[in-house]
Amino acid sequence: MAKLIYSAITSLDGYVADENGKFDWAEPDEEVHAFVNDLQRPVGTYLYGRRLYEVMVAWENLPDLGGQPPVIRDFAEIWRTADKVVYSRSLATVSSARTRIERDFDPEAVRRLKASAERDLTVGGADLAAQSIESGLVDEWQLLVVPIIVGGGKRSLPDGFRIRLELLDERRFANGTVYLRYGTNDVTPATT
C-alpha cells in the first residue's frame, strides 16, 4: 500500500502563503531544490487543489527548459512523469498530461487509490491537505520550514486536530531552511 504524504514549504510561523497570497519567500535555493527533487522522485501521483495545480502546471511547458539549471530540468521531468488529480468544481479542463479532474474530494476513493498504487502519493494545497488530514488519510508529513515569519496568510496546517507524530528524519540547509519528516501515529479532533 502506498503512503499519502503531505509535503509543504512553510514559514516558521506556519503559512504557505502570506496575507497577499505571495509565496516568493518560499522559493528554494539550489541545495534545497535538489533535496525536494529527491523527495518527489518516488512519488507516482500528486493530489492538488485547483489553486496549487494552477501554480504547478507551469512545469508542463517551462520556457527555455534547456537553458534552465539542472535542478529545474530535473524537477520538470519528475513533475511531468507523475500522475496528477486536481480537485475542483470550477476547472473546466486541464492543461497538463497525465492529469484528471475530480469534482469532489472522496476520502474512500483516495483510500482505494492508496491501496492500489505502486508508488506514494502527495497531497498539496492547504485546503485539500486539511480535508485529507480530517479524513485520517495522511501517513507522512514532509515540511520544509523557511526561516521567515510572514505574520499571517494561508495556514499550512488546519486547526481543530490533535495529531501525534513521530520524527522520522530532519535536515538543516545552509540557507537556514529545516526539513522535518514525521509519521502519523494518531489523528483525533482536538478537545476544547
N, C-alpha and C. Protein backbone atom coordinates (compact mmCIF):
# COMPACT_ATOMS: atom_id res chain seq x y z
N MET A 1 0.83 -1.18 0.00
CA MET A 1 0.00 0.00 0.00
C MET A 1 0.88 1.25 0.00
N ALA A 2 0.53 2.21 -0.82
CA ALA A 2 1.27 3.46 -0.91
C ALA A 2 0.92 4.38 0.25
N LYS A 3 1.82 5.29 0.56
CA LYS A 3 1.58 6.29 1.59
C LYS A 3 1.02 7.55 0.93
N LEU A 4 0.23 8.30 1.69
CA LEU A 4 -0.16 9.65 1.30
C LEU A 4 0.68 10.60 2.13
N ILE A 5 1.44 11.44 1.45
CA ILE A 5 2.39 12.35 2.08
C ILE A 5 1.91 13.78 1.90
N TYR A 6 1.84 14.52 3.01
CA TYR A 6 1.59 15.95 2.91
C TYR A 6 2.95 16.63 2.89
N SER A 7 3.25 17.27 1.79
CA SER A 7 4.53 17.92 1.59
C SER A 7 4.28 19.41 1.38
N ALA A 8 4.96 20.25 2.17
CA ALA A 8 4.75 21.69 2.05
C ALA A 8 6.01 22.46 2.42
N ILE A 9 6.16 23.61 1.80
CA ILE A 9 7.17 24.58 2.21
C ILE A 9 6.40 25.64 3.00
N THR A 10 6.82 25.86 4.24
CA THR A 10 6.07 26.73 5.15
C THR A 10 6.99 27.73 5.84
N SER A 11 6.42 28.85 6.21
CA SER A 11 7.16 29.83 7.01
C SER A 11 7.30 29.30 8.43
N LEU A 12 8.19 29.90 9.20
CA LEU A 12 8.38 29.48 10.58
C LEU A 12 7.10 29.62 11.39
N ASP A 13 6.26 30.61 11.04
CA ASP A 13 5.01 30.78 11.76
C ASP A 13 3.84 30.02 11.14
N GLY A 14 4.14 29.11 10.19
CA GLY A 14 3.15 28.14 9.75
C GLY A 14 2.27 28.52 8.58
N TYR A 15 2.79 29.31 7.65
CA TYR A 15 1.99 29.73 6.49
C TYR A 15 2.65 29.28 5.19
N VAL A 16 1.81 28.88 4.21
CA VAL A 16 2.31 28.52 2.88
C VAL A 16 2.26 29.71 1.93
N ALA A 17 1.50 30.72 2.29
CA ALA A 17 1.42 31.97 1.53
C ALA A 17 1.13 33.09 2.53
N ASP A 18 1.62 34.29 2.23
CA ASP A 18 1.38 35.41 3.15
C ASP A 18 -0.01 36.00 2.96
N GLU A 19 -0.30 37.08 3.65
CA GLU A 19 -1.64 37.68 3.61
C GLU A 19 -2.03 38.18 2.22
N ASN A 20 -1.04 38.43 1.37
CA ASN A 20 -1.31 38.88 0.00
C ASN A 20 -1.29 37.72 -1.00
N GLY A 21 -1.21 36.49 -0.49
CA GLY A 21 -1.17 35.32 -1.36
C GLY A 21 0.20 35.06 -1.97
N LYS A 22 1.20 35.79 -1.55
CA LYS A 22 2.56 35.65 -2.09
C LYS A 22 3.30 34.53 -1.37
N PHE A 23 4.13 33.83 -2.12
CA PHE A 23 4.97 32.79 -1.54
C PHE A 23 6.37 32.82 -2.15
N ASP A 24 6.76 33.97 -2.70
CA ASP A 24 8.09 34.10 -3.29
C ASP A 24 9.20 33.86 -2.26
N TRP A 25 8.90 34.12 -1.00
CA TRP A 25 9.85 33.88 0.08
C TRP A 25 10.16 32.38 0.25
N ALA A 26 9.34 31.53 -0.33
CA ALA A 26 9.50 30.08 -0.18
C ALA A 26 10.30 29.44 -1.31
N GLU A 27 10.71 30.23 -2.30
CA GLU A 27 11.44 29.66 -3.43
C GLU A 27 12.73 29.02 -2.95
N PRO A 28 12.91 27.73 -3.20
CA PRO A 28 14.10 27.05 -2.69
C PRO A 28 15.35 27.42 -3.47
N ASP A 29 16.48 27.47 -2.77
CA ASP A 29 17.76 27.65 -3.46
C ASP A 29 18.15 26.31 -4.08
N GLU A 30 19.29 26.26 -4.74
CA GLU A 30 19.68 25.05 -5.48
C GLU A 30 19.82 23.83 -4.56
N GLU A 31 20.40 24.01 -3.37
CA GLU A 31 20.58 22.89 -2.45
C GLU A 31 19.23 22.33 -2.00
N VAL A 32 18.32 23.20 -1.60
CA VAL A 32 17.00 22.76 -1.14
C VAL A 32 16.21 22.17 -2.30
N HIS A 33 16.32 22.80 -3.47
CA HIS A 33 15.58 22.30 -4.64
C HIS A 33 16.02 20.88 -5.01
N ALA A 34 17.32 20.62 -4.98
CA ALA A 34 17.83 19.28 -5.28
C ALA A 34 17.28 18.27 -4.26
N PHE A 35 17.19 18.68 -3.00
CA PHE A 35 16.64 17.81 -1.96
C PHE A 35 15.16 17.54 -2.21
N VAL A 36 14.41 18.58 -2.56
CA VAL A 36 12.99 18.42 -2.88
C VAL A 36 12.83 17.46 -4.05
N ASN A 37 13.67 17.60 -5.06
CA ASN A 37 13.61 16.69 -6.20
C ASN A 37 13.75 15.24 -5.74
N ASP A 38 14.69 14.99 -4.85
CA ASP A 38 14.87 13.63 -4.35
C ASP A 38 13.67 13.15 -3.54
N LEU A 39 13.01 14.06 -2.81
CA LEU A 39 11.79 13.69 -2.09
C LEU A 39 10.67 13.33 -3.06
N GLN A 40 10.57 14.08 -4.16
CA GLN A 40 9.47 13.90 -5.10
C GLN A 40 9.69 12.76 -6.09
N ARG A 41 10.92 12.36 -6.29
CA ARG A 41 11.25 11.34 -7.29
C ARG A 41 10.44 10.04 -7.13
N PRO A 42 10.21 9.52 -5.92
CA PRO A 42 9.44 8.27 -5.80
C PRO A 42 7.93 8.45 -5.86
N VAL A 43 7.45 9.67 -5.97
CA VAL A 43 6.01 9.93 -5.97
C VAL A 43 5.41 9.58 -7.33
N GLY A 44 4.31 8.86 -7.30
CA GLY A 44 3.64 8.47 -8.53
C GLY A 44 2.44 9.33 -8.88
N THR A 45 1.82 9.95 -7.85
CA THR A 45 0.60 10.74 -8.07
C THR A 45 0.59 11.95 -7.14
N TYR A 46 0.27 13.10 -7.74
CA TYR A 46 0.07 14.33 -6.97
C TYR A 46 -1.42 14.60 -6.87
N LEU A 47 -1.91 14.84 -5.67
CA LEU A 47 -3.28 15.27 -5.45
C LEU A 47 -3.23 16.77 -5.17
N TYR A 48 -3.91 17.55 -6.02
CA TYR A 48 -3.85 19.01 -5.91
C TYR A 48 -5.22 19.63 -5.78
N GLY A 49 -5.28 20.73 -5.04
CA GLY A 49 -6.40 21.63 -5.15
C GLY A 49 -6.20 22.48 -6.40
N ARG A 50 -7.24 23.15 -6.84
CA ARG A 50 -7.17 23.92 -8.09
C ARG A 50 -6.08 24.98 -8.07
N ARG A 51 -6.01 25.76 -6.99
CA ARG A 51 -5.04 26.86 -6.96
C ARG A 51 -3.61 26.37 -7.07
N LEU A 52 -3.28 25.33 -6.33
CA LEU A 52 -1.91 24.82 -6.41
C LEU A 52 -1.64 24.21 -7.78
N TYR A 53 -2.61 23.52 -8.34
CA TYR A 53 -2.43 22.99 -9.70
C TYR A 53 -2.13 24.11 -10.68
N GLU A 54 -2.85 25.21 -10.57
CA GLU A 54 -2.63 26.33 -11.49
C GLU A 54 -1.23 26.92 -11.35
N VAL A 55 -0.63 26.82 -10.18
CA VAL A 55 0.75 27.24 -9.99
C VAL A 55 1.70 26.19 -10.58
N MET A 56 1.45 24.94 -10.27
CA MET A 56 2.37 23.86 -10.65
C MET A 56 2.34 23.53 -12.13
N VAL A 57 1.25 23.80 -12.83
CA VAL A 57 1.14 23.42 -14.24
C VAL A 57 2.18 24.14 -15.10
N ALA A 58 2.78 25.19 -14.59
CA ALA A 58 3.85 25.86 -15.33
C ALA A 58 5.00 24.89 -15.64
N TRP A 59 5.15 23.85 -14.84
CA TRP A 59 6.22 22.87 -15.07
C TRP A 59 5.97 22.03 -16.33
N GLU A 60 4.75 22.03 -16.82
CA GLU A 60 4.42 21.23 -18.01
C GLU A 60 5.15 21.75 -19.26
N ASN A 61 5.18 23.05 -19.42
CA ASN A 61 5.79 23.66 -20.61
C ASN A 61 6.69 24.81 -20.21
N LEU A 62 7.65 24.54 -19.38
CA LEU A 62 8.56 25.57 -18.89
C LEU A 62 9.35 26.16 -20.06
N PRO A 63 9.28 27.49 -20.24
CA PRO A 63 10.01 28.10 -21.35
C PRO A 63 11.52 27.89 -21.20
N ASP A 64 12.18 27.71 -22.32
CA ASP A 64 13.64 27.59 -22.36
C ASP A 64 14.15 26.55 -21.35
N LEU A 65 13.50 25.39 -21.32
CA LEU A 65 13.88 24.36 -20.36
C LEU A 65 15.35 23.98 -20.50
N GLY A 66 15.85 23.90 -21.72
CA GLY A 66 17.24 23.52 -21.93
C GLY A 66 18.22 24.51 -21.32
N GLY A 67 17.82 25.75 -21.18
CA GLY A 67 18.67 26.77 -20.61
C GLY A 67 18.56 26.91 -19.10
N GLN A 68 17.69 26.11 -18.50
CA GLN A 68 17.48 26.18 -17.05
C GLN A 68 18.55 25.37 -16.31
N PRO A 69 18.78 25.68 -15.04
CA PRO A 69 19.74 24.90 -14.24
C PRO A 69 19.30 23.43 -14.15
N PRO A 70 20.24 22.54 -13.91
CA PRO A 70 19.92 21.11 -13.83
C PRO A 70 18.82 20.77 -12.82
N VAL A 71 18.76 21.43 -11.66
CA VAL A 71 17.72 21.10 -10.67
C VAL A 71 16.34 21.44 -11.19
N ILE A 72 16.24 22.48 -12.00
CA ILE A 72 14.96 22.88 -12.59
C ILE A 72 14.55 21.86 -13.65
N ARG A 73 15.47 21.49 -14.52
CA ARG A 73 15.17 20.48 -15.54
C ARG A 73 14.78 19.16 -14.91
N ASP A 74 15.46 18.79 -13.85
CA ASP A 74 15.17 17.54 -13.15
C ASP A 74 13.76 17.56 -12.57
N PHE A 75 13.39 18.66 -11.89
CA PHE A 75 12.06 18.72 -11.30
C PHE A 75 10.98 18.71 -12.38
N ALA A 76 11.21 19.41 -13.47
CA ALA A 76 10.22 19.42 -14.56
C ALA A 76 9.96 17.99 -15.05
N GLU A 77 11.00 17.20 -15.19
CA GLU A 77 10.85 15.81 -15.64
C GLU A 77 10.10 14.98 -14.59
N ILE A 78 10.44 15.16 -13.32
CA ILE A 78 9.76 14.44 -12.24
C ILE A 78 8.27 14.77 -12.26
N TRP A 79 7.95 16.06 -12.39
CA TRP A 79 6.56 16.51 -12.36
C TRP A 79 5.79 15.99 -13.56
N ARG A 80 6.37 16.06 -14.71
CA ARG A 80 5.69 15.65 -15.94
C ARG A 80 5.37 14.16 -15.97
N THR A 81 6.24 13.34 -15.38
CA THR A 81 6.04 11.89 -15.47
C THR A 81 5.10 11.34 -14.39
N ALA A 82 4.73 12.17 -13.42
CA ALA A 82 3.79 11.73 -12.37
C ALA A 82 2.35 11.97 -12.83
N ASP A 83 1.44 11.18 -12.28
CA ASP A 83 0.01 11.41 -12.50
C ASP A 83 -0.43 12.56 -11.59
N LYS A 84 -1.46 13.28 -12.03
CA LYS A 84 -2.00 14.39 -11.25
C LYS A 84 -3.51 14.25 -11.17
N VAL A 85 -4.07 14.46 -9.97
CA VAL A 85 -5.51 14.51 -9.77
C VAL A 85 -5.79 15.90 -9.20
N VAL A 86 -6.64 16.66 -9.89
CA VAL A 86 -6.98 18.01 -9.47
C VAL A 86 -8.42 18.00 -8.96
N TYR A 87 -8.60 18.45 -7.72
CA TYR A 87 -9.92 18.53 -7.12
C TYR A 87 -10.45 19.94 -7.31
N SER A 88 -11.46 20.05 -8.17
CA SER A 88 -12.01 21.38 -8.47
C SER A 88 -13.42 21.25 -9.02
N ARG A 89 -14.29 22.13 -8.56
CA ARG A 89 -15.64 22.21 -9.11
C ARG A 89 -15.71 23.23 -10.24
N SER A 90 -14.69 24.10 -10.35
CA SER A 90 -14.74 25.19 -11.33
C SER A 90 -13.83 24.99 -12.53
N LEU A 91 -12.80 24.19 -12.40
CA LEU A 91 -11.86 23.99 -13.51
C LEU A 91 -12.52 23.16 -14.60
N ALA A 92 -12.56 23.72 -15.83
CA ALA A 92 -13.24 23.03 -16.93
C ALA A 92 -12.34 21.98 -17.58
N THR A 93 -11.08 22.31 -17.77
CA THR A 93 -10.13 21.39 -18.41
C THR A 93 -8.77 21.52 -17.73
N VAL A 94 -7.92 20.57 -18.01
CA VAL A 94 -6.55 20.62 -17.52
C VAL A 94 -5.63 20.88 -18.69
N SER A 95 -4.46 21.42 -18.38
CA SER A 95 -3.52 21.73 -19.45
C SER A 95 -2.19 21.01 -19.25
N SER A 96 -2.27 19.83 -18.66
CA SER A 96 -1.07 19.00 -18.50
C SER A 96 -1.43 17.55 -18.77
N ALA A 97 -0.43 16.82 -19.21
CA ALA A 97 -0.63 15.39 -19.47
C ALA A 97 -0.77 14.65 -18.15
N ARG A 98 -1.29 13.44 -18.22
CA ARG A 98 -1.40 12.55 -17.06
C ARG A 98 -2.19 13.19 -15.93
N THR A 99 -3.21 13.98 -16.28
CA THR A 99 -3.97 14.75 -15.29
C THR A 99 -5.46 14.53 -15.48
N ARG A 100 -6.16 14.36 -14.37
CA ARG A 100 -7.62 14.27 -14.43
C ARG A 100 -8.22 15.16 -13.35
N ILE A 101 -9.47 15.55 -13.57
CA ILE A 101 -10.20 16.39 -12.62
C ILE A 101 -11.19 15.52 -11.86
N GLU A 102 -11.26 15.74 -10.57
CA GLU A 102 -12.30 15.17 -9.71
C GLU A 102 -13.08 16.34 -9.15
N ARG A 103 -14.38 16.28 -9.24
CA ARG A 103 -15.21 17.40 -8.79
C ARG A 103 -15.33 17.49 -7.28
N ASP A 104 -15.28 16.36 -6.60
CA ASP A 104 -15.41 16.35 -5.14
C ASP A 104 -14.32 15.48 -4.53
N PHE A 105 -13.88 15.85 -3.35
CA PHE A 105 -12.92 15.06 -2.61
C PHE A 105 -13.66 13.91 -1.94
N ASP A 106 -13.31 12.69 -2.30
CA ASP A 106 -13.94 11.50 -1.75
C ASP A 106 -12.88 10.70 -0.99
N PRO A 107 -12.90 10.75 0.34
CA PRO A 107 -11.88 10.03 1.12
C PRO A 107 -11.79 8.55 0.78
N GLU A 108 -12.93 7.91 0.51
CA GLU A 108 -12.90 6.47 0.19
C GLU A 108 -12.18 6.22 -1.14
N ALA A 109 -12.38 7.10 -2.10
CA ALA A 109 -11.68 6.96 -3.39
C ALA A 109 -10.18 7.13 -3.19
N VAL A 110 -9.78 8.04 -2.31
CA VAL A 110 -8.35 8.21 -2.04
C VAL A 110 -7.80 6.98 -1.32
N ARG A 111 -8.57 6.41 -0.41
CA ARG A 111 -8.13 5.17 0.26
C ARG A 111 -7.91 4.05 -0.76
N ARG A 112 -8.84 3.94 -1.71
CA ARG A 112 -8.69 2.91 -2.76
C ARG A 112 -7.46 3.20 -3.62
N LEU A 113 -7.24 4.46 -3.93
CA LEU A 113 -6.06 4.84 -4.72
C LEU A 113 -4.78 4.49 -3.98
N LYS A 114 -4.73 4.78 -2.68
CA LYS A 114 -3.56 4.41 -1.87
C LYS A 114 -3.35 2.90 -1.87
N ALA A 115 -4.44 2.16 -1.75
CA ALA A 115 -4.35 0.69 -1.67
C ALA A 115 -3.86 0.08 -2.97
N SER A 116 -4.19 0.71 -4.09
CA SER A 116 -3.83 0.13 -5.39
C SER A 116 -2.56 0.71 -6.00
N ALA A 117 -2.07 1.82 -5.46
CA ALA A 117 -0.91 2.49 -6.05
C ALA A 117 0.38 1.74 -5.75
N GLU A 118 1.25 1.74 -6.72
CA GLU A 118 2.57 1.13 -6.54
C GLU A 118 3.60 2.13 -6.03
N ARG A 119 3.29 3.42 -6.18
CA ARG A 119 4.19 4.48 -5.73
C ARG A 119 3.40 5.42 -4.81
N ASP A 120 4.11 6.12 -3.95
CA ASP A 120 3.47 7.02 -3.00
C ASP A 120 2.73 8.16 -3.69
N LEU A 121 1.84 8.79 -2.93
CA LEU A 121 1.06 9.93 -3.38
C LEU A 121 1.40 11.11 -2.48
N THR A 122 1.30 12.32 -3.03
CA THR A 122 1.40 13.50 -2.19
C THR A 122 0.12 14.31 -2.33
N VAL A 123 -0.19 15.03 -1.28
CA VAL A 123 -1.33 15.94 -1.31
C VAL A 123 -0.76 17.35 -1.16
N GLY A 124 -1.21 18.25 -2.02
CA GLY A 124 -0.73 19.62 -2.00
C GLY A 124 -1.87 20.60 -2.07
N GLY A 125 -1.66 21.70 -1.41
CA GLY A 125 -2.69 22.72 -1.28
C GLY A 125 -3.26 22.61 0.12
N ALA A 126 -3.23 23.70 0.85
CA ALA A 126 -3.60 23.66 2.27
C ALA A 126 -5.04 23.18 2.49
N ASP A 127 -5.97 23.60 1.65
CA ASP A 127 -7.36 23.20 1.84
C ASP A 127 -7.55 21.70 1.58
N LEU A 128 -6.97 21.20 0.50
CA LEU A 128 -7.08 19.78 0.20
C LEU A 128 -6.34 18.96 1.25
N ALA A 129 -5.19 19.44 1.70
CA ALA A 129 -4.45 18.75 2.76
C ALA A 129 -5.30 18.68 4.03
N ALA A 130 -6.00 19.78 4.36
CA ALA A 130 -6.85 19.79 5.55
C ALA A 130 -7.93 18.72 5.45
N GLN A 131 -8.53 18.58 4.27
CA GLN A 131 -9.55 17.54 4.09
C GLN A 131 -8.94 16.15 4.25
N SER A 132 -7.74 15.97 3.74
CA SER A 132 -7.04 14.68 3.85
C SER A 132 -6.70 14.38 5.31
N ILE A 133 -6.26 15.41 6.03
CA ILE A 133 -5.93 15.25 7.45
C ILE A 133 -7.20 14.90 8.23
N GLU A 134 -8.27 15.65 7.97
CA GLU A 134 -9.54 15.42 8.65
C GLU A 134 -10.04 14.00 8.42
N SER A 135 -9.77 13.46 7.23
CA SER A 135 -10.22 12.11 6.88
C SER A 135 -9.27 11.02 7.37
N GLY A 136 -8.18 11.40 8.02
CA GLY A 136 -7.22 10.43 8.53
C GLY A 136 -6.41 9.74 7.44
N LEU A 137 -6.21 10.42 6.31
CA LEU A 137 -5.53 9.82 5.17
C LEU A 137 -4.02 10.06 5.13
N VAL A 138 -3.53 11.08 5.82
CA VAL A 138 -2.11 11.45 5.72
C VAL A 138 -1.28 10.51 6.58
N ASP A 139 -0.33 9.85 5.94
CA ASP A 139 0.55 8.90 6.61
C ASP A 139 1.88 9.52 7.01
N GLU A 140 2.28 10.55 6.26
CA GLU A 140 3.60 11.13 6.47
C GLU A 140 3.54 12.62 6.18
N TRP A 141 4.35 13.38 6.89
CA TRP A 141 4.41 14.83 6.78
C TRP A 141 5.83 15.22 6.42
N GLN A 142 6.00 15.95 5.34
CA GLN A 142 7.32 16.43 4.92
C GLN A 142 7.24 17.95 4.84
N LEU A 143 7.77 18.61 5.85
CA LEU A 143 7.68 20.06 5.92
C LEU A 143 9.06 20.67 5.79
N LEU A 144 9.18 21.62 4.90
CA LEU A 144 10.39 22.43 4.77
C LEU A 144 10.06 23.78 5.39
N VAL A 145 10.69 24.08 6.51
CA VAL A 145 10.41 25.29 7.26
C VAL A 145 11.45 26.35 6.87
N VAL A 146 10.95 27.44 6.27
CA VAL A 146 11.81 28.53 5.79
C VAL A 146 12.00 29.52 6.93
N PRO A 147 13.21 30.04 7.12
CA PRO A 147 13.46 30.95 8.24
C PRO A 147 12.91 32.35 7.96
N ILE A 148 11.59 32.45 7.97
CA ILE A 148 10.92 33.73 7.80
C ILE A 148 9.60 33.68 8.57
N ILE A 149 9.23 34.82 9.12
CA ILE A 149 7.92 34.97 9.75
C ILE A 149 7.14 35.93 8.87
N VAL A 150 5.99 35.47 8.34
CA VAL A 150 5.22 36.30 7.42
C VAL A 150 4.02 36.96 8.11
N GLY A 151 3.68 36.55 9.32
CA GLY A 151 2.69 37.24 10.11
C GLY A 151 1.23 36.94 9.81
N GLY A 152 0.95 36.09 8.85
CA GLY A 152 -0.44 35.75 8.54
C GLY A 152 -0.54 35.29 7.10
N GLY A 153 -1.69 34.75 6.75
CA GLY A 153 -1.92 34.28 5.39
C GLY A 153 -2.62 32.94 5.37
N LYS A 154 -2.21 32.08 4.46
CA LYS A 154 -2.78 30.75 4.28
C LYS A 154 -2.01 29.77 5.16
N ARG A 155 -2.69 29.21 6.14
CA ARG A 155 -2.03 28.31 7.09
C ARG A 155 -1.66 26.99 6.43
N SER A 156 -0.52 26.45 6.82
CA SER A 156 -0.07 25.17 6.26
C SER A 156 -0.77 23.99 6.92
N LEU A 157 -1.24 24.16 8.14
CA LEU A 157 -1.89 23.07 8.87
C LEU A 157 -3.24 23.56 9.40
N PRO A 158 -4.23 22.69 9.41
CA PRO A 158 -5.56 23.10 9.86
C PRO A 158 -5.67 23.17 11.38
N ASP A 159 -6.61 23.96 11.83
CA ASP A 159 -6.96 24.00 13.25
C ASP A 159 -7.90 22.82 13.55
N GLY A 160 -8.02 22.49 14.83
CA GLY A 160 -9.04 21.55 15.24
C GLY A 160 -8.61 20.09 15.32
N PHE A 161 -7.32 19.82 15.21
CA PHE A 161 -6.87 18.43 15.29
C PHE A 161 -5.67 18.31 16.20
N ARG A 162 -5.68 17.24 16.96
CA ARG A 162 -4.52 16.87 17.76
C ARG A 162 -3.94 15.64 17.08
N ILE A 163 -2.72 15.74 16.64
CA ILE A 163 -2.11 14.66 15.87
C ILE A 163 -0.76 14.31 16.48
N ARG A 164 -0.64 13.09 16.92
CA ARG A 164 0.64 12.63 17.45
C ARG A 164 1.51 12.19 16.28
N LEU A 165 2.72 12.72 16.25
CA LEU A 165 3.64 12.43 15.16
C LEU A 165 4.93 11.84 15.71
N GLU A 166 5.58 11.07 14.86
CA GLU A 166 6.88 10.50 15.20
C GLU A 166 7.90 11.08 14.24
N LEU A 167 8.95 11.70 14.79
CA LEU A 167 10.00 12.27 13.96
C LEU A 167 10.77 11.14 13.27
N LEU A 168 10.78 11.17 11.94
CA LEU A 168 11.45 10.14 11.16
C LEU A 168 12.77 10.62 10.58
N ASP A 169 12.87 11.94 10.32
CA ASP A 169 14.07 12.47 9.70
C ASP A 169 14.08 13.98 9.87
N GLU A 170 15.26 14.56 9.80
CA GLU A 170 15.42 16.01 9.85
C GLU A 170 16.72 16.38 9.13
N ARG A 171 16.75 17.62 8.66
CA ARG A 171 17.96 18.09 7.98
C ARG A 171 17.98 19.61 7.99
N ARG A 172 19.15 20.17 8.17
CA ARG A 172 19.35 21.61 8.11
C ARG A 172 20.07 21.95 6.81
N PHE A 173 19.71 23.08 6.23
CA PHE A 173 20.34 23.55 5.00
C PHE A 173 21.10 24.84 5.27
N ALA A 174 22.06 25.13 4.39
CA ALA A 174 22.91 26.30 4.56
C ALA A 174 22.11 27.60 4.59
N ASN A 175 20.97 27.67 3.89
CA ASN A 175 20.18 28.90 3.87
C ASN A 175 19.27 29.05 5.08
N GLY A 176 19.34 28.12 6.04
CA GLY A 176 18.54 28.19 7.25
C GLY A 176 17.24 27.41 7.20
N THR A 177 16.89 26.88 6.02
CA THR A 177 15.70 26.04 5.91
C THR A 177 15.93 24.74 6.67
N VAL A 178 14.87 24.24 7.30
CA VAL A 178 14.94 22.98 8.05
C VAL A 178 13.88 22.04 7.48
N TYR A 179 14.29 20.80 7.21
CA TYR A 179 13.38 19.75 6.75
C TYR A 179 12.99 18.90 7.94
N LEU A 180 11.69 18.66 8.09
CA LEU A 180 11.16 17.81 9.14
C LEU A 180 10.25 16.77 8.52
N ARG A 181 10.52 15.51 8.79
CA ARG A 181 9.70 14.41 8.27
C ARG A 181 9.13 13.65 9.45
N TYR A 182 7.80 13.55 9.46
CA TYR A 182 7.09 12.88 10.54
C TYR A 182 6.19 11.79 10.00
N GLY A 183 6.00 10.76 10.80
CA GLY A 183 4.99 9.74 10.54
C GLY A 183 3.80 10.00 11.43
N THR A 184 2.63 9.66 10.96
CA THR A 184 1.40 9.87 11.71
C THR A 184 1.15 8.69 12.64
N ASN A 185 0.92 8.98 13.89
CA ASN A 185 0.59 7.93 14.86
C ASN A 185 -0.89 7.91 15.21
N ASP A 186 -1.46 9.10 15.41
CA ASP A 186 -2.83 9.17 15.93
C ASP A 186 -3.45 10.49 15.52
N VAL A 187 -4.59 10.45 14.87
CA VAL A 187 -5.30 11.66 14.46
C VAL A 187 -6.67 11.68 15.13
N THR A 188 -6.91 12.68 15.94
CA THR A 188 -8.21 12.84 16.57
C THR A 188 -8.57 14.31 16.60
N PRO A 189 -9.86 14.63 16.54
CA PRO A 189 -10.25 16.03 16.70
C PRO A 189 -9.76 16.55 18.05
N ALA A 190 -9.26 17.78 18.09
CA ALA A 190 -8.78 18.37 19.33
C ALA A 190 -9.96 18.60 20.26
N THR A 191 -9.74 18.40 21.55
CA THR A 191 -10.78 18.66 22.52
C THR A 191 -10.73 20.12 22.91
N THR A 192 -11.88 20.68 23.18
CA THR A 192 -11.92 22.10 23.56
C THR A 192 -12.08 22.28 25.04
